[in-house]
């Protein structure tokens, strides 16, 4: 799957998200499958859904965490790919 960081993400209308104690549960109503995100995954999710692009989310996270930039980029790309694969986010230009 090829994504570019200039693209943005959006949550489809058939996906529900609930946050509790810093972690998230995401339910895809079409597949009736749910997924859990730990605290860092939840923060990445928030950055992705509140930013205009994946790059903007990446830059936000980079300022918040003391982490290797390349590692963060890889982790964020992997998360986005997994979210797309399970129908939890869609990509838009």
PDB file of N, CA and C in Angstrom:
ATOM      1  N   UNK A   1       0.852  -1.169   0.000  1.00  0.00           N
ATOM      2  CA  UNK A   1       0.000   0.000   0.000  1.00  0.00           C
ATOM      3  C   UNK A   1       0.901   1.237   0.000  1.00  0.00           C
ATOM      4  N   UNK A   2       0.584   2.142  -0.883  1.00  0.00           N
ATOM      5  CA  UNK A   2       1.412   3.334  -1.004  1.00  0.00           C
ATOM      6  C   UNK A   2       0.626   4.560  -0.537  1.00  0.00           C
ATOM      7  N   UNK A   3       1.087   5.135   0.548  1.00  0.00           N
ATOM      8  CA  UNK A   3       0.483   6.380   1.026  1.00  0.00           C
ATOM      9  C   UNK A   3       1.554   7.454   1.011  1.00  0.00           C
ATOM     10  N   UNK A   4       1.114   8.687   0.854  1.00  0.00           N
ATOM     11  CA  UNK A   4       2.051   9.793   0.956  1.00  0.00           C
ATOM     12  C   UNK A   4       1.637  10.660   2.130  1.00  0.00           C
ATOM     13  N   UNK A   5       2.605  11.269   2.740  1.00  0.00           N
ATOM     14  CA  UNK A   5       2.334  12.068   3.930  1.00  0.00           C
ATOM     15  C   UNK A   5       1.632  13.382   3.603  1.00  0.00           C
ATOM     16  N   UNK A   6       1.497  13.721   2.321  1.00  0.00           N
ATOM     17  CA  UNK A   6       0.758  14.934   1.958  1.00  0.00           C
ATOM     18  C   UNK A   6      -0.748  14.689   1.968  1.00  0.00           C
ATOM     19  N   UNK A   7      -1.147  13.424   1.991  1.00  0.00           N
ATOM     20  CA  UNK A   7      -2.566  13.078   2.026  1.00  0.00           C
ATOM     21  C   UNK A   7      -3.105  13.222   3.444  1.00  0.00           C
ATOM     22  N   UNK A   8      -4.407  13.342   3.535  1.00  0.00           N
ATOM     23  CA  UNK A   8      -5.059  13.415   4.837  1.00  0.00           C
ATOM     24  C   UNK A   8      -5.862  12.155   5.101  1.00  0.00           C
ATOM     25  N   UNK A   9      -6.351  12.032   6.316  1.00  0.00           N
ATOM     26  CA  UNK A   9      -7.198  10.894   6.671  1.00  0.00           C
ATOM     27  C   UNK A   9      -8.541  11.406   7.168  1.00  0.00           C
ATOM     28  N   UNK A  10      -9.550  10.575   7.011  1.00  0.00           N
ATOM     29  CA  UNK A  10     -10.860  10.881   7.584  1.00  0.00           C
ATOM     30  C   UNK A  10     -11.471   9.573   8.073  1.00  0.00           C
ATOM     31  N   UNK A  11     -12.306   9.696   9.071  1.00  0.00           N
ATOM     32  CA  UNK A  11     -12.970   8.537   9.658  1.00  0.00           C
ATOM     33  C   UNK A  11     -14.287   8.317   8.919  1.00  0.00           C
ATOM     34  N   UNK A  12     -14.500   7.123   8.366  1.00  0.00           N
ATOM     35  CA  UNK A  12     -15.769   6.845   7.688  1.00  0.00           C
ATOM     36  C   UNK A  12     -16.947   6.922   8.659  1.00  0.00           C
ATOM     37  N   UNK A  13     -18.136   7.199   8.160  1.00  0.00           N
ATOM     38  CA  UNK A  13     -19.302   7.330   9.040  1.00  0.00           C
ATOM     39  C   UNK A  13     -19.682   6.033   9.758  1.00  0.00           C
ATOM     40  N   UNK A  14     -19.232   4.893   9.249  1.00  0.00           N
ATOM     41  CA  UNK A  14     -19.570   3.611   9.866  1.00  0.00           C
ATOM     42  C   UNK A  14     -18.521   3.137  10.871  1.00  0.00           C
ATOM     43  N   UNK A  15     -17.700   4.066  11.354  1.00  0.00           N
ATOM     44  CA  UNK A  15     -16.673   3.751  12.352  1.00  0.00           C
ATOM     45  C   UNK A  15     -16.941   4.576  13.609  1.00  0.00           C
ATOM     46  N   UNK A  16     -16.994   3.898  14.734  1.00  0.00           N
ATOM     47  CA  UNK A  16     -17.200   4.552  16.027  1.00  0.00           C
ATOM     48  C   UNK A  16     -15.931   4.455  16.854  1.00  0.00           C
ATOM     49  N   UNK A  17     -15.645   5.523  17.599  1.00  0.00           N
ATOM     50  CA  UNK A  17     -14.443   5.569  18.432  1.00  0.00           C
ATOM     51  C   UNK A  17     -14.831   6.001  19.829  1.00  0.00           C
ATOM     52  N   UNK A  18     -14.303   5.305  20.815  1.00  0.00           N
ATOM     53  CA  UNK A  18     -14.503   5.680  22.215  1.00  0.00           C
ATOM     54  C   UNK A  18     -13.153   5.648  22.912  1.00  0.00           C
ATOM     55  N   UNK A  19     -12.879   6.716  23.654  1.00  0.00           N
ATOM     56  CA  UNK A  19     -11.632   6.801  24.409  1.00  0.00           C
ATOM     57  C   UNK A  19     -11.938   6.649  25.891  1.00  0.00           C
ATOM     58  N   UNK A  20     -11.093   5.874  26.568  1.00  0.00           N
ATOM     59  CA  UNK A  20     -11.247   5.645  27.992  1.00  0.00           C
ATOM     60  C   UNK A  20      -9.871   5.497  28.614  1.00  0.00           C
ATOM     61  N   UNK A  21      -9.577   6.335  29.582  1.00  0.00           N
ATOM     62  CA  UNK A  21      -8.293   6.286  30.290  1.00  0.00           C
ATOM     63  C   UNK A  21      -7.092   6.336  29.350  1.00  0.00           C
ATOM     64  N   UNK A  22      -7.183   7.168  28.315  1.00  0.00           N
ATOM     65  CA  UNK A  22      -6.059   7.364  27.408  1.00  0.00           C
ATOM     66  C   UNK A  22      -5.926   6.324  26.316  1.00  0.00           C
ATOM     67  N   UNK A  23      -6.761   5.299  26.329  1.00  0.00           N
ATOM     68  CA  UNK A  23      -6.742   4.284  25.288  1.00  0.00           C
ATOM     69  C   UNK A  23      -8.042   4.365  24.495  1.00  0.00           C
ATOM     70  N   UNK A  24      -8.046   3.775  23.307  1.00  0.00           N
ATOM     71  CA  UNK A  24      -9.224   3.867  22.444  1.00  0.00           C
ATOM     72  C   UNK A  24      -9.690   2.499  21.979  1.00  0.00           C
ATOM     73  N   UNK A  25     -10.992   2.414  21.776  1.00  0.00           N
ATOM     74  CA  UNK A  25     -11.608   1.268  21.118  1.00  0.00           C
ATOM     75  C   UNK A  25     -12.277   1.809  19.861  1.00  0.00           C
ATOM     76  N   UNK A  26     -11.984   1.176  18.735  1.00  0.00           N
ATOM     77  CA  UNK A  26     -12.525   1.599  17.452  1.00  0.00           C
ATOM     78  C   UNK A  26     -13.360   0.450  16.902  1.00  0.00           C
ATOM     79  N   UNK A  27     -14.601   0.737  16.538  1.00  0.00           N
ATOM     80  CA  UNK A  27     -15.520  -0.280  16.032  1.00  0.00           C
ATOM     81  C   UNK A  27     -15.893   0.031  14.591  1.00  0.00           C
ATOM     82  N   UNK A  28     -15.669  -0.932  13.717  1.00  0.00           N
ATOM     83  CA  UNK A  28     -16.112  -0.829  12.334  1.00  0.00           C
ATOM     84  C   UNK A  28     -17.478  -1.505  12.268  1.00  0.00           C
ATOM     85  N   UNK A  29     -18.529  -0.722  12.080  1.00  0.00           N
ATOM     86  CA  UNK A  29     -19.887  -1.253  12.080  1.00  0.00           C
ATOM     87  C   UNK A  29     -20.160  -2.176  10.892  1.00  0.00           C
ATOM     88  N   UNK A  30     -19.457  -1.983   9.787  1.00  0.00           N
ATOM     89  CA  UNK A  30     -19.652  -2.845   8.613  1.00  0.00           C
ATOM     90  C   UNK A  30     -19.140  -4.256   8.854  1.00  0.00           C
ATOM     91  N   UNK A  31     -17.969  -4.359   9.442  1.00  0.00           N
ATOM     92  CA  UNK A  31     -17.364  -5.676   9.667  1.00  0.00           C
ATOM     93  C   UNK A  31     -17.690  -6.231  11.047  1.00  0.00           C
ATOM     94  N   UNK A  32     -18.224  -5.374  11.915  1.00  0.00           N
ATOM     95  CA  UNK A  32     -18.520  -5.727  13.308  1.00  0.00           C
ATOM     96  C   UNK A  32     -17.271  -6.180  14.062  1.00  0.00           C
ATOM     97  N   UNK A  33     -16.131  -5.634  13.669  1.00  0.00           N
ATOM     98  CA  UNK A  33     -14.865  -5.918  14.355  1.00  0.00           C
ATOM     99  C   UNK A  33     -14.435  -4.673  15.107  1.00  0.00           C
ATOM    100  N   UNK A  34     -13.808  -4.898  16.253  1.00  0.00           N
ATOM    101  CA  UNK A  34     -13.300  -3.764  17.012  1.00  0.00           C
ATOM    102  C   UNK A  34     -11.804  -3.905  17.212  1.00  0.00           C
ATOM    103  N   UNK A  35     -11.177  -2.768  17.430  1.00  0.00           N
ATOM    104  CA  UNK A  35      -9.729  -2.686  17.539  1.00  0.00           C
ATOM    105  C   UNK A  35      -9.387  -1.795  18.718  1.00  0.00           C
ATOM    106  N   UNK A  36      -8.300  -2.093  19.387  1.00  0.00           N
ATOM    107  CA  UNK A  36      -7.858  -1.290  20.516  1.00  0.00           C
ATOM    108  C   UNK A  36      -6.562  -0.570  20.204  1.00  0.00           C
ATOM    109  N   UNK A  37      -6.443   0.633  20.716  1.00  0.00           N
ATOM    110  CA  UNK A  37      -5.209   1.405  20.597  1.00  0.00           C
ATOM    111  C   UNK A  37      -4.713   1.744  21.987  1.00  0.00           C
ATOM    112  N   UNK A  38      -3.413   1.563  22.199  1.00  0.00           N
ATOM    113  CA  UNK A  38      -2.823   1.970  23.475  1.00  0.00           C
ATOM    114  C   UNK A  38      -2.704   3.492  23.515  1.00  0.00           C
ATOM    115  N   UNK A  39      -2.086   4.001  24.548  1.00  0.00           N
ATOM    116  CA  UNK A  39      -2.001   5.455  24.728  1.00  0.00           C
ATOM    117  C   UNK A  39      -1.312   6.146  23.551  1.00  0.00           C
ATOM    118  N   UNK A  40      -0.197   5.591  23.084  1.00  0.00           N
ATOM    119  CA  UNK A  40       0.513   6.215  21.964  1.00  0.00           C
ATOM    120  C   UNK A  40      -0.297   6.099  20.675  1.00  0.00           C
ATOM    121  N   UNK A  41      -0.902   4.952  20.444  1.00  0.00           N
ATOM    122  CA  UNK A  41      -1.753   4.779  19.270  1.00  0.00           C
ATOM    123  C   UNK A  41      -2.928   5.737  19.283  1.00  0.00           C
ATOM    124  N   UNK A  42      -3.486   5.957  20.472  1.00  0.00           N
ATOM    125  CA  UNK A  42      -4.596   6.897  20.620  1.00  0.00           C
ATOM    126  C   UNK A  42      -4.147   8.315  20.295  1.00  0.00           C
ATOM    127  N   UNK A  43      -2.955   8.682  20.736  1.00  0.00           N
ATOM    128  CA  UNK A  43      -2.443  10.024  20.428  1.00  0.00           C
ATOM    129  C   UNK A  43      -2.203  10.174  18.932  1.00  0.00           C
ATOM    130  N   UNK A  44      -1.655   9.125  18.306  1.00  0.00           N
ATOM    131  CA  UNK A  44      -1.449   9.161  16.854  1.00  0.00           C
ATOM    132  C   UNK A  44      -2.791   9.288  16.131  1.00  0.00           C
ATOM    133  N   UNK A  45      -3.780   8.528  16.577  1.00  0.00           N
ATOM    134  CA  UNK A  45      -5.130   8.592  15.989  1.00  0.00           C
ATOM    135  C   UNK A  45      -5.667  10.019  16.069  1.00  0.00           C
ATOM    136  N   UNK A  46      -5.559  10.618  17.242  1.00  0.00           N
ATOM    137  CA  UNK A  46      -6.055  11.988  17.429  1.00  0.00           C
ATOM    138  C   UNK A  46      -5.345  12.961  16.504  1.00  0.00           C
ATOM    139  N   UNK A  47      -4.026  12.838  16.420  1.00  0.00           N
ATOM    140  CA  UNK A  47      -3.264  13.730  15.546  1.00  0.00           C
ATOM    141  C   UNK A  47      -3.682  13.541  14.090  1.00  0.00           C
ATOM    142  N   UNK A  48      -3.867  12.297  13.677  1.00  0.00           N
ATOM    143  CA  UNK A  48      -4.269  12.019  12.293  1.00  0.00           C
ATOM    144  C   UNK A  48      -5.643  12.581  11.972  1.00  0.00           C
ATOM    145  N   UNK A  49      -6.587  12.400  12.880  1.00  0.00           N
ATOM    146  CA  UNK A  49      -7.962  12.815  12.592  1.00  0.00           C
ATOM    147  C   UNK A  49      -8.177  14.312  12.777  1.00  0.00           C
ATOM    148  N   UNK A  50      -7.252  14.985  13.456  1.00  0.00           N
ATOM    149  CA  UNK A  50      -7.389  16.421  13.682  1.00  0.00           C
ATOM    150  C   UNK A  50      -6.491  17.258  12.777  1.00  0.00           C
ATOM    151  N   UNK A  51      -5.672  16.603  11.961  1.00  0.00           N
ATOM    152  CA  UNK A  51      -4.724  17.318  11.106  1.00  0.00           C
ATOM    153  C   UNK A  51      -5.192  17.299   9.657  1.00  0.00           C
ATOM    154  N   UNK A  52      -4.684  18.242   8.889  1.00  0.00           N
ATOM    155  CA  UNK A  52      -5.046  18.329   7.477  1.00  0.00           C
ATOM    156  C   UNK A  52      -4.309  17.307   6.620  1.00  0.00           C
ATOM    157  N   UNK A  53      -3.203  16.770   7.134  1.00  0.00           N
ATOM    158  CA  UNK A  53      -2.433  15.778   6.385  1.00  0.00           C
ATOM    159  C   UNK A  53      -1.697  14.869   7.365  1.00  0.00           C
ATOM    160  N   UNK A  54      -1.227  13.754   6.846  1.00  0.00           N
ATOM    161  CA  UNK A  54      -0.424  12.850   7.668  1.00  0.00           C
ATOM    162  C   UNK A  54       0.861  13.560   8.075  1.00  0.00           C
ATOM    163  N   UNK A  55       1.414  14.368   7.179  1.00  0.00           N
ATOM    164  CA  UNK A  55       2.630  15.126   7.484  1.00  0.00           C
ATOM    165  C   UNK A  55       2.404  16.075   8.655  1.00  0.00           C
ATOM    166  N   UNK A  56       1.276  16.756   8.671  1.00  0.00           N
ATOM    167  CA  UNK A  56       0.969  17.676   9.773  1.00  0.00           C
ATOM    168  C   UNK A  56       0.844  16.911  11.088  1.00  0.00           C
ATOM    169  N   UNK A  57       0.231  15.730  11.046  1.00  0.00           N
ATOM    170  CA  UNK A  57       0.128  14.898  12.249  1.00  0.00           C
ATOM    171  C   UNK A  57       1.516  14.479  12.713  1.00  0.00           C
ATOM    172  N   UNK A  58       2.350  14.077  11.772  1.00  0.00           N
ATOM    173  CA  UNK A  58       3.729  13.678  12.071  1.00  0.00           C
ATOM    174  C   UNK A  58       4.486  14.823  12.742  1.00  0.00           C
ATOM    175  N   UNK A  59       4.379  16.014  12.198  1.00  0.00           N
ATOM    176  CA  UNK A  59       5.085  17.168  12.763  1.00  0.00           C
ATOM    177  C   UNK A  59       4.579  17.499  14.161  1.00  0.00           C
ATOM    178  N   UNK A  60       3.278  17.385  14.381  1.00  0.00           N
ATOM    179  CA  UNK A  60       2.710  17.611  15.713  1.00  0.00           C
ATOM    180  C   UNK A  60       3.283  16.616  16.710  1.00  0.00           C
ATOM    181  N   UNK A  61       3.273  15.344  16.341  1.00  0.00           N
ATOM    182  CA  UNK A  61       3.775  14.296  17.238  1.00  0.00           C
ATOM    183  C   UNK A  61       5.267  14.462  17.500  1.00  0.00           C
ATOM    184  N   UNK A  62       6.004  14.880  16.489  1.00  0.00           N
ATOM    185  CA  UNK A  62       7.449  15.064  16.633  1.00  0.00           C
ATOM    186  C   UNK A  62       7.770  16.147  17.654  1.00  0.00           C
ATOM    187  N   UNK A  63       6.924  17.173  17.748  1.00  0.00           N
ATOM    188  CA  UNK A  63       7.162  18.227  18.740  1.00  0.00           C
ATOM    189  C   UNK A  63       6.754  17.787  20.146  1.00  0.00           C
ATOM    190  N   UNK A  64       5.851  16.811  20.238  1.00  0.00           N
ATOM    191  CA  UNK A  64       5.347  16.370  21.540  1.00  0.00           C
ATOM    192  C   UNK A  64       6.196  15.291  22.199  1.00  0.00           C
ATOM    193  N   UNK A  65       6.898  14.505  21.405  1.00  0.00           N
ATOM    194  CA  UNK A  65       7.616  13.350  21.939  1.00  0.00           C
ATOM    195  C   UNK A  65       9.099  13.430  21.611  1.00  0.00           C
ATOM    196  N   UNK A  66       9.910  12.982  22.536  1.00  0.00           N
ATOM    197  CA  UNK A  66      11.354  12.890  22.334  1.00  0.00           C
ATOM    198  C   UNK A  66      11.632  11.521  21.716  1.00  0.00           C
ATOM    199  N   UNK A  67      11.567  11.481  20.391  1.00  0.00           N
ATOM    200  CA  UNK A  67      11.662  10.212  19.677  1.00  0.00           C
ATOM    201  C   UNK A  67      12.446  10.424  18.389  1.00  0.00           C
ATOM    202  N   UNK A  68      13.074   9.366  17.908  1.00  0.00           N
ATOM    203  CA  UNK A  68      13.779   9.417  16.642  1.00  0.00           C
ATOM    204  C   UNK A  68      12.779   9.714  15.518  1.00  0.00           C
ATOM    205  N   UNK A  69      13.080  10.711  14.701  1.00  0.00           N
ATOM    206  CA  UNK A  69      12.158  11.159  13.656  1.00  0.00           C
ATOM    207  C   UNK A  69      11.839  10.047  12.658  1.00  0.00           C
ATOM    208  N   UNK A  70      12.847   9.282  12.254  1.00  0.00           N
ATOM    209  CA  UNK A  70      12.611   8.198  11.295  1.00  0.00           C
ATOM    210  C   UNK A  70      11.740   7.099  11.886  1.00  0.00           C
ATOM    211  N   UNK A  71      11.969   6.778  13.153  1.00  0.00           N
ATOM    212  CA  UNK A  71      11.165   5.752  13.816  1.00  0.00           C
ATOM    213  C   UNK A  71       9.706   6.195  13.927  1.00  0.00           C
ATOM    214  N   UNK A  72       9.489   7.452  14.289  1.00  0.00           N
ATOM    215  CA  UNK A  72       8.127   7.974  14.376  1.00  0.00           C
ATOM    216  C   UNK A  72       7.447   7.916  13.015  1.00  0.00           C
ATOM    217  N   UNK A  73       8.160   8.298  11.979  1.00  0.00           N
ATOM    218  CA  UNK A  73       7.599   8.275  10.624  1.00  0.00           C
ATOM    219  C   UNK A  73       7.189   6.850  10.240  1.00  0.00           C
ATOM    220  N   UNK A  74       8.057   5.885  10.517  1.00  0.00           N
ATOM    221  CA  UNK A  74       7.755   4.482  10.204  1.00  0.00           C
ATOM    222  C   UNK A  74       6.546   3.992  10.994  1.00  0.00           C
ATOM    223  N   UNK A  75       6.521   4.302  12.291  1.00  0.00           N
ATOM    224  CA  UNK A  75       5.407   3.866  13.140  1.00  0.00           C
ATOM    225  C   UNK A  75       4.088   4.484  12.688  1.00  0.00           C
ATOM    226  N   UNK A  76       4.114   5.767  12.345  1.00  0.00           N
ATOM    227  CA  UNK A  76       2.899   6.444  11.898  1.00  0.00           C
ATOM    228  C   UNK A  76       2.425   5.868  10.568  1.00  0.00           C
ATOM    229  N   UNK A  77       3.347   5.628   9.655  1.00  0.00           N
ATOM    230  CA  UNK A  77       2.973   5.044   8.369  1.00  0.00           C
ATOM    231  C   UNK A  77       2.380   3.651   8.573  1.00  0.00           C
ATOM    232  N   UNK A  78       2.985   2.853   9.438  1.00  0.00           N
ATOM    233  CA  UNK A  78       2.470   1.508   9.710  1.00  0.00           C
ATOM    234  C   UNK A  78       1.055   1.579  10.292  1.00  0.00           C
ATOM    235  N   UNK A  79       0.835   2.495  11.234  1.00  0.00           N
ATOM    236  CA  UNK A  79      -0.493   2.640  11.825  1.00  0.00           C
ATOM    237  C   UNK A  79      -1.516   3.031  10.759  1.00  0.00           C
ATOM    238  N   UNK A  80      -1.183   4.000   9.928  1.00  0.00           N
ATOM    239  CA  UNK A  80      -2.109   4.437   8.874  1.00  0.00           C
ATOM    240  C   UNK A  80      -2.431   3.273   7.938  1.00  0.00           C
ATOM    241  N   UNK A  81      -1.428   2.512   7.556  1.00  0.00           N
ATOM    242  CA  UNK A  81      -1.656   1.363   6.678  1.00  0.00           C
ATOM    243  C   UNK A  81      -2.596   0.352   7.328  1.00  0.00           C
ATOM    244  N   UNK A  82      -2.413   0.090   8.620  1.00  0.00           N
ATOM    245  CA  UNK A  82      -3.279  -0.847   9.339  1.00  0.00           C
ATOM    246  C   UNK A  82      -4.707  -0.301   9.443  1.00  0.00           C
ATOM    247  N   UNK A  83      -4.836   0.981   9.723  1.00  0.00           N
ATOM    248  CA  UNK A  83      -6.161   1.600   9.824  1.00  0.00           C
ATOM    249  C   UNK A  83      -6.904   1.526   8.492  1.00  0.00           C
ATOM    250  N   UNK A  84      -6.197   1.772   7.398  1.00  0.00           N
ATOM    251  CA  UNK A  84      -6.799   1.683   6.068  1.00  0.00           C
ATOM    252  C   UNK A  84      -7.213   0.244   5.777  1.00  0.00           C
ATOM    253  N   UNK A  85      -6.320  -0.686   6.053  1.00  0.00           N
ATOM    254  CA  UNK A  85      -6.583  -2.104   5.780  1.00  0.00           C
ATOM    255  C   UNK A  85      -7.860  -2.592   6.468  1.00  0.00           C
ATOM    256  N   UNK A  86      -8.124  -2.089   7.658  1.00  0.00           N
ATOM    257  CA  UNK A  86      -9.290  -2.525   8.422  1.00  0.00           C
ATOM    258  C   UNK A  86     -10.498  -1.594   8.251  1.00  0.00           C
ATOM    259  N   UNK A  87     -10.393  -0.638   7.319  1.00  0.00           N
ATOM    260  CA  UNK A  87     -11.524   0.243   7.020  1.00  0.00           C
ATOM    261  C   UNK A  87     -11.821   1.257   8.106  1.00  0.00           C
ATOM    262  N   UNK A  88     -10.812   1.602   8.910  1.00  0.00           N
ATOM    263  CA  UNK A  88     -11.023   2.519  10.030  1.00  0.00           C
ATOM    264  C   UNK A  88     -10.737   3.971   9.668  1.00  0.00           C
ATOM    265  N   UNK A  89      -9.980   4.192   8.609  1.00  0.00           N
ATOM    266  CA  UNK A  89      -9.783   5.534   8.054  1.00  0.00           C
ATOM    267  C   UNK A  89      -9.759   5.424   6.542  1.00  0.00           C
ATOM    268  N   UNK A  90     -10.028   6.546   5.902  1.00  0.00           N
ATOM    269  CA  UNK A  90      -9.922   6.676   4.455  1.00  0.00           C
ATOM    270  C   UNK A  90      -8.918   7.782   4.169  1.00  0.00           C
ATOM    271  N   UNK A  91      -8.267   7.678   3.035  1.00  0.00           N
ATOM    272  CA  UNK A  91      -7.297   8.686   2.605  1.00  0.00           C
ATOM    273  C   UNK A  91      -7.997   9.679   1.680  1.00  0.00           C
ATOM    274  N   UNK A  92      -7.648  10.938   1.833  1.00  0.00           N
ATOM    275  CA  UNK A  92      -8.137  11.960   0.899  1.00  0.00           C
ATOM    276  C   UNK A  92      -7.000  12.912   0.586  1.00  0.00           C
ATOM    277  N   UNK A  93      -7.092  13.538  -0.582  1.00  0.00           N
ATOM    278  CA  UNK A  93      -6.035  14.463  -1.026  1.00  0.00           C
ATOM    279  C   UNK A  93      -6.248  15.839  -0.465  1.00  0.00           C
TER     280      UNK A  93
END
